[in-house]
């Protein structure tokens, strides 16, 4: 892997961790605000935490899915024209 690949991989890992931590903080603030403003309903808390976990999981998988799509486009539409450069 070249130096550009290492930089992109480092940015990917940083983006994932910052996003995951940010989503976790937002979810926790929302859970606290819901429980402080209304009666504590177990179903509501489980729903909020469950949807937050799904959001974090999708956020974690999104860069990987984009990378797979990017790499598969070279199979469908090559970087070079039919024939070759001469």
PDB file of N, CA and C in Angstrom:
ATOM      1  N   UNK A   1       0.849  -1.166   0.000  1.00  0.00           N
ATOM      2  CA  UNK A   1       0.000   0.000   0.000  1.00  0.00           C
ATOM      3  C   UNK A   1       0.891   1.224   0.000  1.00  0.00           C
ATOM      4  N   UNK A   2       0.621   2.151  -0.910  1.00  0.00           N
ATOM      5  CA  UNK A   2       1.418   3.362  -1.003  1.00  0.00           C
ATOM      6  C   UNK A   2       1.098   4.335   0.117  1.00  0.00           C
ATOM      7  N   UNK A   3       1.841   5.430   0.141  1.00  0.00           N
ATOM      8  CA  UNK A   3       1.652   6.398   1.220  1.00  0.00           C
ATOM      9  C   UNK A   3       0.276   7.055   1.135  1.00  0.00           C
ATOM     10  N   UNK A   4      -0.260   7.248  -0.075  1.00  0.00           N
ATOM     11  CA  UNK A   4      -1.589   7.814  -0.207  1.00  0.00           C
ATOM     12  C   UNK A   4      -2.642   6.860   0.353  1.00  0.00           C
ATOM     13  N   UNK A   5      -2.445   5.572   0.117  1.00  0.00           N
ATOM     14  CA  UNK A   5      -3.356   4.572   0.671  1.00  0.00           C
ATOM     15  C   UNK A   5      -3.317   4.543   2.182  1.00  0.00           C
ATOM     16  N   UNK A   6      -2.140   4.708   2.746  1.00  0.00           N
ATOM     17  CA  UNK A   6      -2.007   4.740   4.204  1.00  0.00           C
ATOM     18  C   UNK A   6      -2.725   5.963   4.769  1.00  0.00           C
ATOM     19  N   UNK A   7      -2.595   7.099   4.089  1.00  0.00           N
ATOM     20  CA  UNK A   7      -3.279   8.320   4.543  1.00  0.00           C
ATOM     21  C   UNK A   7      -4.786   8.140   4.474  1.00  0.00           C
ATOM     22  N   UNK A   8      -5.291   7.590   3.369  1.00  0.00           N
ATOM     23  CA  UNK A   8      -6.729   7.375   3.242  1.00  0.00           C
ATOM     24  C   UNK A   8      -7.245   6.392   4.282  1.00  0.00           C
ATOM     25  N   UNK A   9      -6.478   5.349   4.558  1.00  0.00           N
ATOM     26  CA  UNK A   9      -6.881   4.379   5.575  1.00  0.00           C
ATOM     27  C   UNK A   9      -6.908   5.030   6.959  1.00  0.00           C
ATOM     28  N   UNK A  10      -5.932   5.872   7.251  1.00  0.00           N
ATOM     29  CA  UNK A  10      -5.909   6.573   8.537  1.00  0.00           C
ATOM     30  C   UNK A  10      -7.104   7.511   8.669  1.00  0.00           C
ATOM     31  N   UNK A  11      -7.448   8.208   7.585  1.00  0.00           N
ATOM     32  CA  UNK A  11      -8.618   9.093   7.611  1.00  0.00           C
ATOM     33  C   UNK A  11      -9.888   8.275   7.802  1.00  0.00           C
ATOM     34  N   UNK A  12      -9.967   7.127   7.167  1.00  0.00           N
ATOM     35  CA  UNK A  12     -11.131   6.256   7.318  1.00  0.00           C
ATOM     36  C   UNK A  12     -11.303   5.817   8.768  1.00  0.00           C
ATOM     37  N   UNK A  13     -10.227   5.367   9.377  1.00  0.00           N
ATOM     38  CA  UNK A  13     -10.309   4.922  10.772  1.00  0.00           C
ATOM     39  C   UNK A  13     -10.662   6.090  11.676  1.00  0.00           C
ATOM     40  N   UNK A  14     -10.072   7.252  11.457  1.00  0.00           N
ATOM     41  CA  UNK A  14     -10.385   8.427  12.262  1.00  0.00           C
ATOM     42  C   UNK A  14     -11.861   8.808  12.098  1.00  0.00           C
ATOM     43  N   UNK A  15     -12.360   8.814  10.857  1.00  0.00           N
ATOM     44  CA  UNK A  15     -13.752   9.155  10.571  1.00  0.00           C
ATOM     45  C   UNK A  15     -14.697   8.191  11.276  1.00  0.00           C
ATOM     46  N   UNK A  16     -14.371   6.912  11.240  1.00  0.00           N
ATOM     47  CA  UNK A  16     -15.221   5.927  11.903  1.00  0.00           C
ATOM     48  C   UNK A  16     -15.283   6.153  13.406  1.00  0.00           C
ATOM     49  N   UNK A  17     -14.138   6.330  14.034  1.00  0.00           N
ATOM     50  CA  UNK A  17     -14.122   6.476  15.490  1.00  0.00           C
ATOM     51  C   UNK A  17     -14.754   7.778  15.945  1.00  0.00           C
ATOM     52  N   UNK A  18     -14.464   8.867  15.258  1.00  0.00           N
ATOM     53  CA  UNK A  18     -15.066  10.153  15.638  1.00  0.00           C
ATOM     54  C   UNK A  18     -16.577  10.106  15.436  1.00  0.00           C
ATOM     55  N   UNK A  19     -17.020   9.534  14.341  1.00  0.00           N
ATOM     56  CA  UNK A  19     -18.455   9.413  14.093  1.00  0.00           C
ATOM     57  C   UNK A  19     -19.146   8.518  15.097  1.00  0.00           C
ATOM     58  N   UNK A  20     -18.518   7.405  15.425  1.00  0.00           N
ATOM     59  CA  UNK A  20     -19.113   6.495  16.396  1.00  0.00           C
ATOM     60  C   UNK A  20     -19.194   7.137  17.774  1.00  0.00           C
ATOM     61  N   UNK A  21     -18.144   7.801  18.185  1.00  0.00           N
ATOM     62  CA  UNK A  21     -18.160   8.474  19.487  1.00  0.00           C
ATOM     63  C   UNK A  21     -19.178   9.608  19.483  1.00  0.00           C
ATOM     64  N   UNK A  22     -19.248  10.374  18.391  1.00  0.00           N
ATOM     65  CA  UNK A  22     -20.221  11.459  18.296  1.00  0.00           C
ATOM     66  C   UNK A  22     -21.655  10.954  18.346  1.00  0.00           C
ATOM     67  N   UNK A  23     -21.949   9.890  17.597  1.00  0.00           N
ATOM     68  CA  UNK A  23     -23.292   9.320  17.634  1.00  0.00           C
ATOM     69  C   UNK A  23     -23.632   8.779  19.013  1.00  0.00           C
ATOM     70  N   UNK A  24     -22.672   8.180  19.680  1.00  0.00           N
ATOM     71  CA  UNK A  24     -22.917   7.665  21.022  1.00  0.00           C
ATOM     72  C   UNK A  24     -23.242   8.788  21.990  1.00  0.00           C
ATOM     73  N   UNK A  25     -22.527   9.886  21.904  1.00  0.00           N
ATOM     74  CA  UNK A  25     -22.798  11.033  22.784  1.00  0.00           C
ATOM     75  C   UNK A  25     -24.191  11.594  22.513  1.00  0.00           C
ATOM     76  N   UNK A  26     -24.554  11.745  21.243  1.00  0.00           N
ATOM     77  CA  UNK A  26     -25.877  12.271  20.901  1.00  0.00           C
ATOM     78  C   UNK A  26     -26.977  11.329  21.388  1.00  0.00           C
ATOM     79  N   UNK A  27     -26.786  10.036  21.208  1.00  0.00           N
ATOM     80  CA  UNK A  27     -27.778   9.061  21.657  1.00  0.00           C
ATOM     81  C   UNK A  27     -27.937   9.100  23.171  1.00  0.00           C
ATOM     82  N   UNK A  28     -26.835   9.199  23.885  1.00  0.00           N
ATOM     83  CA  UNK A  28     -26.923   9.250  25.349  1.00  0.00           C
ATOM     84  C   UNK A  28     -27.622  10.521  25.816  1.00  0.00           C
ATOM     85  N   UNK A  29     -27.331  11.669  25.195  1.00  0.00           N
ATOM     86  CA  UNK A  29     -28.038  12.902  25.544  1.00  0.00           C
ATOM     87  C   UNK A  29     -29.525  12.765  25.274  1.00  0.00           C
ATOM     88  N   UNK A  30     -29.887  12.121  24.171  1.00  0.00           N
ATOM     89  CA  UNK A  30     -31.302  11.948  23.850  1.00  0.00           C
ATOM     90  C   UNK A  30     -31.987  11.025  24.845  1.00  0.00           C
ATOM     91  N   UNK A  31     -31.324   9.938  25.213  1.00  0.00           N
ATOM     92  CA  UNK A  31     -31.905   9.017  26.199  1.00  0.00           C
ATOM     93  C   UNK A  31     -32.108   9.730  27.527  1.00  0.00           C
ATOM     94  N   UNK A  32     -31.134  10.512  27.952  1.00  0.00           N
ATOM     95  CA  UNK A  32     -31.262  11.244  29.217  1.00  0.00           C
ATOM     96  C   UNK A  32     -32.392  12.269  29.132  1.00  0.00           C
ATOM     97  N   UNK A  33     -32.509  12.973  28.005  1.00  0.00           N
ATOM     98  CA  UNK A  33     -33.565  13.980  27.886  1.00  0.00           C
ATOM     99  C   UNK A  33     -34.946  13.335  27.832  1.00  0.00           C
ATOM    100  N   UNK A  34     -35.070  12.184  27.186  1.00  0.00           N
ATOM    101  CA  UNK A  34     -36.366  11.492  27.127  1.00  0.00           C
ATOM    102  C   UNK A  34     -36.759  11.003  28.512  1.00  0.00           C
ATOM    103  N   UNK A  35     -35.830  10.457  29.234  1.00  0.00           N
ATOM    104  CA  UNK A  35     -36.161   9.945  30.570  1.00  0.00           C
ATOM    105  C   UNK A  35     -36.385  11.067  31.567  1.00  0.00           C
ATOM    106  N   UNK A  36     -35.804  12.232  31.355  1.00  0.00           N
ATOM    107  CA  UNK A  36     -35.981  13.342  32.297  1.00  0.00           C
ATOM    108  C   UNK A  36     -37.295  14.085  32.052  1.00  0.00           C
ATOM    109  N   UNK A  37     -37.789  14.105  30.828  1.00  0.00           N
ATOM    110  CA  UNK A  37     -38.979  14.904  30.526  1.00  0.00           C
ATOM    111  C   UNK A  37     -40.276  14.118  30.620  1.00  0.00           C
ATOM    112  N   UNK A  38     -40.250  12.814  30.610  1.00  0.00           N
ATOM    113  CA  UNK A  38     -41.480  12.033  30.649  1.00  0.00           C
ATOM    114  C   UNK A  38     -41.307  10.848  31.581  1.00  0.00           C
ATOM    115  N   UNK A  39     -42.382  10.118  31.714  1.00  0.00           N
ATOM    116  CA  UNK A  39     -42.297   8.909  32.518  1.00  0.00           C
ATOM    117  C   UNK A  39     -41.294   7.955  31.877  1.00  0.00           C
ATOM    118  N   UNK A  40     -40.601   7.246  32.698  1.00  0.00           N
ATOM    119  CA  UNK A  40     -39.603   6.301  32.198  1.00  0.00           C
ATOM    120  C   UNK A  40     -40.335   5.080  31.648  1.00  0.00           C
ATOM    121  N   UNK A  41     -40.265   4.947  30.335  1.00  0.00           N
ATOM    122  CA  UNK A  41     -40.888   3.817  29.667  1.00  0.00           C
ATOM    123  C   UNK A  41     -39.776   2.935  29.109  1.00  0.00           C
ATOM    124  N   UNK A  42     -39.780   1.702  29.537  1.00  0.00           N
ATOM    125  CA  UNK A  42     -38.734   0.774  29.107  1.00  0.00           C
ATOM    126  C   UNK A  42     -38.764   0.574  27.591  1.00  0.00           C
ATOM    127  N   UNK A  43     -39.960   0.534  27.025  1.00  0.00           N
ATOM    128  CA  UNK A  43     -40.080   0.320  25.579  1.00  0.00           C
ATOM    129  C   UNK A  43     -39.469   1.502  24.823  1.00  0.00           C
ATOM    130  N   UNK A  44     -39.704   2.722  25.300  1.00  0.00           N
ATOM    131  CA  UNK A  44     -39.166   3.900  24.626  1.00  0.00           C
ATOM    132  C   UNK A  44     -37.639   3.929  24.730  1.00  0.00           C
ATOM    133  N   UNK A  45     -37.109   3.612  25.895  1.00  0.00           N
ATOM    134  CA  UNK A  45     -35.656   3.613  26.076  1.00  0.00           C
ATOM    135  C   UNK A  45     -35.010   2.536  25.222  1.00  0.00           C
ATOM    136  N   UNK A  46     -35.595   1.340  25.201  1.00  0.00           N
ATOM    137  CA  UNK A  46     -35.041   0.251  24.384  1.00  0.00           C
ATOM    138  C   UNK A  46     -35.120   0.616  22.904  1.00  0.00           C
ATOM    139  N   UNK A  47     -36.198   1.274  22.482  1.00  0.00           N
ATOM    140  CA  UNK A  47     -36.325   1.699  21.082  1.00  0.00           C
ATOM    141  C   UNK A  47     -35.275   2.720  20.696  1.00  0.00           C
ATOM    142  N   UNK A  48     -35.046   3.693  21.572  1.00  0.00           N
ATOM    143  CA  UNK A  48     -34.046   4.728  21.276  1.00  0.00           C
ATOM    144  C   UNK A  48     -32.647   4.126  21.243  1.00  0.00           C
ATOM    145  N   UNK A  49     -32.330   3.306  22.225  1.00  0.00           N
ATOM    146  CA  UNK A  49     -30.993   2.683  22.266  1.00  0.00           C
ATOM    147  C   UNK A  49     -30.812   1.731  21.086  1.00  0.00           C
ATOM    148  N   UNK A  50     -31.841   0.966  20.743  1.00  0.00           N
ATOM    149  CA  UNK A  50     -31.750   0.052  19.604  1.00  0.00           C
ATOM    150  C   UNK A  50     -31.547   0.775  18.289  1.00  0.00           C
ATOM    151  N   UNK A  51     -32.322   1.853  18.083  1.00  0.00           N
ATOM    152  CA  UNK A  51     -32.143   2.612  16.840  1.00  0.00           C
ATOM    153  C   UNK A  51     -30.788   3.304  16.813  1.00  0.00           C
ATOM    154  N   UNK A  52     -30.301   3.712  17.967  1.00  0.00           N
ATOM    155  CA  UNK A  52     -28.959   4.305  18.027  1.00  0.00           C
ATOM    156  C   UNK A  52     -27.877   3.298  17.673  1.00  0.00           C
ATOM    157  N   UNK A  53     -28.029   2.083  18.175  1.00  0.00           N
ATOM    158  CA  UNK A  53     -27.045   1.038  17.851  1.00  0.00           C
ATOM    159  C   UNK A  53     -27.071   0.692  16.362  1.00  0.00           C
ATOM    160  N   UNK A  54     -28.254   0.652  15.780  1.00  0.00           N
ATOM    161  CA  UNK A  54     -28.351   0.401  14.337  1.00  0.00           C
ATOM    162  C   UNK A  54     -27.699   1.546  13.562  1.00  0.00           C
ATOM    163  N   UNK A  55     -27.933   2.785  14.015  1.00  0.00           N
ATOM    164  CA  UNK A  55     -27.306   3.933  13.365  1.00  0.00           C
ATOM    165  C   UNK A  55     -25.787   3.888  13.439  1.00  0.00           C
ATOM    166  N   UNK A  56     -25.262   3.523  14.601  1.00  0.00           N
ATOM    167  CA  UNK A  56     -23.805   3.423  14.754  1.00  0.00           C
ATOM    168  C   UNK A  56     -23.252   2.303  13.881  1.00  0.00           C
ATOM    169  N   UNK A  57     -23.948   1.167  13.829  1.00  0.00           N
ATOM    170  CA  UNK A  57     -23.477   0.051  12.996  1.00  0.00           C
ATOM    171  C   UNK A  57     -23.477   0.444  11.514  1.00  0.00           C
ATOM    172  N   UNK A  58     -24.523   1.127  11.070  1.00  0.00           N
ATOM    173  CA  UNK A  58     -24.560   1.563   9.672  1.00  0.00           C
ATOM    174  C   UNK A  58     -23.491   2.606   9.392  1.00  0.00           C
ATOM    175  N   UNK A  59     -23.259   3.505  10.348  1.00  0.00           N
ATOM    176  CA  UNK A  59     -22.209   4.503  10.181  1.00  0.00           C
ATOM    177  C   UNK A  59     -20.846   3.837  10.089  1.00  0.00           C
ATOM    178  N   UNK A  60     -20.627   2.768  10.856  1.00  0.00           N
ATOM    179  CA  UNK A  60     -19.356   2.050  10.837  1.00  0.00           C
ATOM    180  C   UNK A  60     -19.161   1.323   9.513  1.00  0.00           C
ATOM    181  N   UNK A  61     -20.252   0.781   8.936  1.00  0.00           N
ATOM    182  CA  UNK A  61     -20.140  -0.008   7.711  1.00  0.00           C
ATOM    183  C   UNK A  61     -20.160   0.833   6.444  1.00  0.00           C
ATOM    184  N   UNK A  62     -20.626   2.079   6.508  1.00  0.00           N
ATOM    185  CA  UNK A  62     -20.752   2.901   5.313  1.00  0.00           C
ATOM    186  C   UNK A  62     -19.443   3.109   4.556  1.00  0.00           C
ATOM    187  N   UNK A  63     -18.332   3.474   5.207  1.00  0.00           N
ATOM    188  CA  UNK A  63     -17.088   3.641   4.433  1.00  0.00           C
ATOM    189  C   UNK A  63     -16.620   2.351   3.761  1.00  0.00           C
ATOM    190  N   UNK A  64     -16.850   1.216   4.413  1.00  0.00           N
ATOM    191  CA  UNK A  64     -16.464  -0.062   3.810  1.00  0.00           C
ATOM    192  C   UNK A  64     -17.314  -0.339   2.574  1.00  0.00           C
ATOM    193  N   UNK A  65     -18.610  -0.068   2.664  1.00  0.00           N
ATOM    194  CA  UNK A  65     -19.487  -0.280   1.507  1.00  0.00           C
ATOM    195  C   UNK A  65     -19.101   0.643   0.360  1.00  0.00           C
ATOM    196  N   UNK A  66     -18.769   1.888   0.668  1.00  0.00           N
ATOM    197  CA  UNK A  66     -18.341   2.823  -0.374  1.00  0.00           C
ATOM    198  C   UNK A  66     -17.045   2.337  -1.016  1.00  0.00           C
ATOM    199  N   UNK A  67     -16.134   1.804  -0.226  1.00  0.00           N
ATOM    200  CA  UNK A  67     -14.872   1.294  -0.764  1.00  0.00           C
ATOM    201  C   UNK A  67     -15.118   0.097  -1.677  1.00  0.00           C
ATOM    202  N   UNK A  68     -16.025  -0.806  -1.293  1.00  0.00           N
ATOM    203  CA  UNK A  68     -16.338  -1.945  -2.152  1.00  0.00           C
ATOM    204  C   UNK A  68     -16.962  -1.481  -3.469  1.00  0.00           C
ATOM    205  N   UNK A  69     -17.852  -0.506  -3.402  1.00  0.00           N
ATOM    206  CA  UNK A  69     -18.466   0.017  -4.630  1.00  0.00           C
ATOM    207  C   UNK A  69     -17.409   0.666  -5.511  1.00  0.00           C
ATOM    208  N   UNK A  70     -16.507   1.430  -4.899  1.00  0.00           N
ATOM    209  CA  UNK A  70     -15.445   2.083  -5.666  1.00  0.00           C
ATOM    210  C   UNK A  70     -14.548   1.061  -6.359  1.00  0.00           C
ATOM    211  N   UNK A  71     -14.204  -0.006  -5.651  1.00  0.00           N
ATOM    212  CA  UNK A  71     -13.317  -0.996  -6.260  1.00  0.00           C
ATOM    213  C   UNK A  71     -14.042  -1.822  -7.316  1.00  0.00           C
ATOM    214  N   UNK A  72     -15.356  -2.029  -7.154  1.00  0.00           N
ATOM    215  CA  UNK A  72     -16.100  -2.797  -8.150  1.00  0.00           C
ATOM    216  C   UNK A  72     -16.362  -2.003  -9.419  1.00  0.00           C
ATOM    217  N   UNK A  73     -16.302  -0.691  -9.355  1.00  0.00           N
ATOM    218  CA  UNK A  73     -16.534   0.074 -10.572  1.00  0.00           C
ATOM    219  C   UNK A  73     -15.428  -0.145 -11.590  1.00  0.00           C
ATOM    220  N   UNK A  74     -14.231  -0.490 -11.155  1.00  0.00           N
ATOM    221  CA  UNK A  74     -13.156  -0.790 -12.104  1.00  0.00           C
ATOM    222  C   UNK A  74     -13.430  -2.074 -12.869  1.00  0.00           C
ATOM    223  N   UNK A  75     -14.193  -2.981 -12.297  1.00  0.00           N
ATOM    224  CA  UNK A  75     -14.548  -4.208 -13.005  1.00  0.00           C
ATOM    225  C   UNK A  75     -15.602  -3.900 -14.071  1.00  0.00           C
ATOM    226  N   UNK A  76     -16.578  -3.067 -13.705  1.00  0.00           N
ATOM    227  CA  UNK A  76     -17.661  -2.751 -14.634  1.00  0.00           C
ATOM    228  C   UNK A  76     -17.205  -1.740 -15.673  1.00  0.00           C
ATOM    229  N   UNK A  77     -16.542  -0.700 -15.231  1.00  0.00           N
ATOM    230  CA  UNK A  77     -16.081   0.362 -16.117  1.00  0.00           C
ATOM    231  C   UNK A  77     -14.584   0.555 -15.891  1.00  0.00           C
ATOM    232  N   UNK A  78     -13.747  -0.075 -16.710  1.00  0.00           N
ATOM    233  CA  UNK A  78     -12.304   0.003 -16.480  1.00  0.00           C
ATOM    234  C   UNK A  78     -11.770   1.430 -16.598  1.00  0.00           C
ATOM    235  N   UNK A  79     -10.606   1.637 -15.981  1.00  0.00           N
ATOM    236  CA  UNK A  79      -9.964   2.944 -16.039  1.00  0.00           C
ATOM    237  C   UNK A  79      -9.351   3.240 -17.403  1.00  0.00           C
ATOM    238  N   UNK A  80      -9.207   2.244 -18.222  1.00  0.00           N
ATOM    239  CA  UNK A  80      -8.577   2.429 -19.527  1.00  0.00           C
ATOM    240  C   UNK A  80      -9.603   2.141 -20.623  1.00  0.00           C
ATOM    241  N   UNK A  81      -9.448   2.749 -21.791  1.00  0.00           N
ATOM    242  CA  UNK A  81     -10.402   2.495 -22.880  1.00  0.00           C
ATOM    243  C   UNK A  81     -10.203   1.092 -23.462  1.00  0.00           C
ATOM    244  N   UNK A  82     -11.118   0.708 -24.315  1.00  0.00           N
ATOM    245  CA  UNK A  82     -10.978  -0.580 -24.991  1.00  0.00           C
ATOM    246  C   UNK A  82      -9.722  -0.507 -25.848  1.00  0.00           C
ATOM    247  N   UNK A  83      -8.932  -1.520 -25.784  1.00  0.00           N
ATOM    248  CA  UNK A  83      -7.624  -1.491 -26.439  1.00  0.00           C
ATOM    249  C   UNK A  83      -6.593  -1.088 -25.414  1.00  0.00           C
ATOM    250  N   UNK A  84      -5.695  -0.207 -25.803  1.00  0.00           N
ATOM    251  CA  UNK A  84      -4.696   0.229 -24.836  1.00  0.00           C
ATOM    252  C   UNK A  84      -4.101   1.543 -25.301  1.00  0.00           C
ATOM    253  N   UNK A  85      -3.399   2.168 -24.379  1.00  0.00           N
ATOM    254  CA  UNK A  85      -2.641   3.372 -24.741  1.00  0.00           C
ATOM    255  C   UNK A  85      -1.348   2.924 -25.391  1.00  0.00           C
ATOM    256  N   UNK A  86      -0.986   3.561 -26.486  1.00  0.00           N
ATOM    257  CA  UNK A  86       0.270   3.171 -27.144  1.00  0.00           C
ATOM    258  C   UNK A  86       1.096   4.381 -27.373  1.00  0.00           C
TER     259      UNK A  86
END
